[in-house]
Amino acid sequence: MSAIKIVCYIPMLEGQTIYVQSAYISLGDKEADSKNTHLKSIAQDTGSVVKILESKGIQTTFEWTEGTHFGPILPRLDKALAALQMM
């Protein structure tokens, strides 16, 4: 999900029933350094999403991972799947 979509979905998330019990969210530690202005705010926007999910009782894990928005993909996917198995 791109940064633009996250910003648009924040108000929607606040008013919706979310039918999941757990969520895993990770951001690359270099995303905020991007020249793309939308990616620069992604940490703050994602923090808002995490707070909304937690306020709805959804077990949420947020992690910073090494890399950018676009990679490395497989190690991040492995971490996400392992985290969701443990939830």
Protein backbone atom coordinates (compact mmCIF):
# COMPACT_ATOMS: atom_id res chain seq x y z
CA MET A 1 0.00 0.00 0.00
CA SER A 2 1.51 3.32 -0.96
CA ALA A 3 1.88 6.29 1.34
CA ILE A 4 -0.82 8.16 -0.57
CA LYS A 5 -3.31 5.37 0.04
CA ILE A 6 -2.43 5.16 3.74
CA VAL A 7 -3.21 8.85 4.28
CA CYS A 8 -6.56 8.44 2.52
CA TYR A 9 -7.47 5.38 4.56
CA ILE A 10 -6.75 6.81 8.02
CA PRO A 11 -10.18 8.51 8.43
CA MET A 12 -11.89 5.45 6.99
CA LEU A 13 -10.16 3.12 9.45
CA GLU A 14 -11.35 5.17 12.39
CA GLY A 15 -15.01 4.60 11.53
CA GLN A 16 -14.88 1.01 10.31
CA THR A 17 -15.21 -2.35 11.95
CA ILE A 18 -12.05 -4.28 11.14
CA TYR A 19 -12.40 -8.04 10.97
CA VAL A 20 -8.88 -9.19 11.81
CA GLN A 21 -7.38 -10.22 15.13
CA SER A 22 -3.78 -9.31 14.39
CA ALA A 23 -1.68 -7.19 12.07
CA TYR A 24 2.01 -6.94 11.26
CA ILE A 25 3.35 -3.71 9.79
CA SER A 26 6.94 -2.96 8.86
CA LEU A 27 8.66 0.00 7.32
CA GLY A 28 12.10 0.22 5.81
CA ASP A 29 14.42 2.34 7.91
CA LYS A 30 15.38 4.37 4.83
CA GLU A 31 11.84 5.25 3.72
CA ALA A 32 11.80 8.60 5.50
CA ASP A 33 14.98 9.57 3.62
CA SER A 34 13.23 9.20 0.28
CA LYS A 35 13.06 12.10 -2.18
CA ASN A 36 9.41 11.16 -2.63
CA THR A 37 7.43 13.56 -0.41
CA HIS A 38 4.70 10.99 0.21
CA LEU A 39 7.18 8.46 1.57
CA LYS A 40 8.72 11.04 3.91
CA SER A 41 5.51 11.13 5.99
CA ILE A 42 4.88 7.40 5.95
CA ALA A 43 6.29 6.81 9.44
CA GLN A 44 3.87 9.28 11.01
CA ASP A 45 0.96 8.02 8.92
CA THR A 46 1.74 4.40 9.74
CA GLY A 47 1.96 5.31 13.44
CA SER A 48 -1.59 6.64 13.16
CA VAL A 49 -2.75 3.39 11.57
CA VAL A 50 -1.08 1.34 14.34
CA LYS A 51 -2.83 3.43 17.03
CA ILE A 52 -6.19 2.98 15.34
CA LEU A 53 -5.75 -0.78 15.06
CA GLU A 54 -4.65 -1.07 18.69
CA SER A 55 -7.58 1.06 19.85
CA LYS A 56 -9.87 -1.46 18.16
CA GLY A 57 -8.29 -4.31 20.10
CA ILE A 58 -6.26 -5.67 17.20
CA GLN A 59 -2.94 -7.18 18.27
CA THR A 60 -0.53 -5.09 16.21
CA THR A 61 3.20 -5.46 15.71
CA PHE A 62 5.13 -2.59 14.12
CA GLU A 63 8.79 -2.99 13.22
CA TRP A 64 11.44 -0.98 11.47
CA THR A 65 13.37 -3.17 9.05
CA GLU A 66 16.52 -2.57 7.10
CA GLY A 67 15.96 -1.20 3.63
CA THR A 68 13.75 1.05 1.55
CA HIS A 69 10.09 0.99 0.56
CA PHE A 70 10.89 -1.42 -2.24
CA GLY A 71 13.22 -3.90 -0.64
CA PRO A 72 14.60 -6.19 0.32
CA ILE A 73 11.23 -7.91 0.01
CA LEU A 74 11.82 -11.57 0.92
CA PRO A 75 13.41 -11.02 4.36
CA ARG A 76 10.61 -8.62 5.26
CA LEU A 77 7.97 -11.08 4.09
CA ASP A 78 9.61 -13.86 6.11
CA LYS A 79 9.54 -11.67 9.24
CA ALA A 80 5.90 -10.77 8.65
CA LEU A 81 4.79 -14.37 8.22
CA ALA A 82 6.76 -15.50 11.29
CA ALA A 83 5.28 -12.69 13.40
CA LEU A 84 1.73 -13.47 12.31
CA GLN A 85 2.22 -17.16 13.15
CA MET A 86 3.19 -16.16 16.69
CA MET A 87 0.17 -13.90 17.20
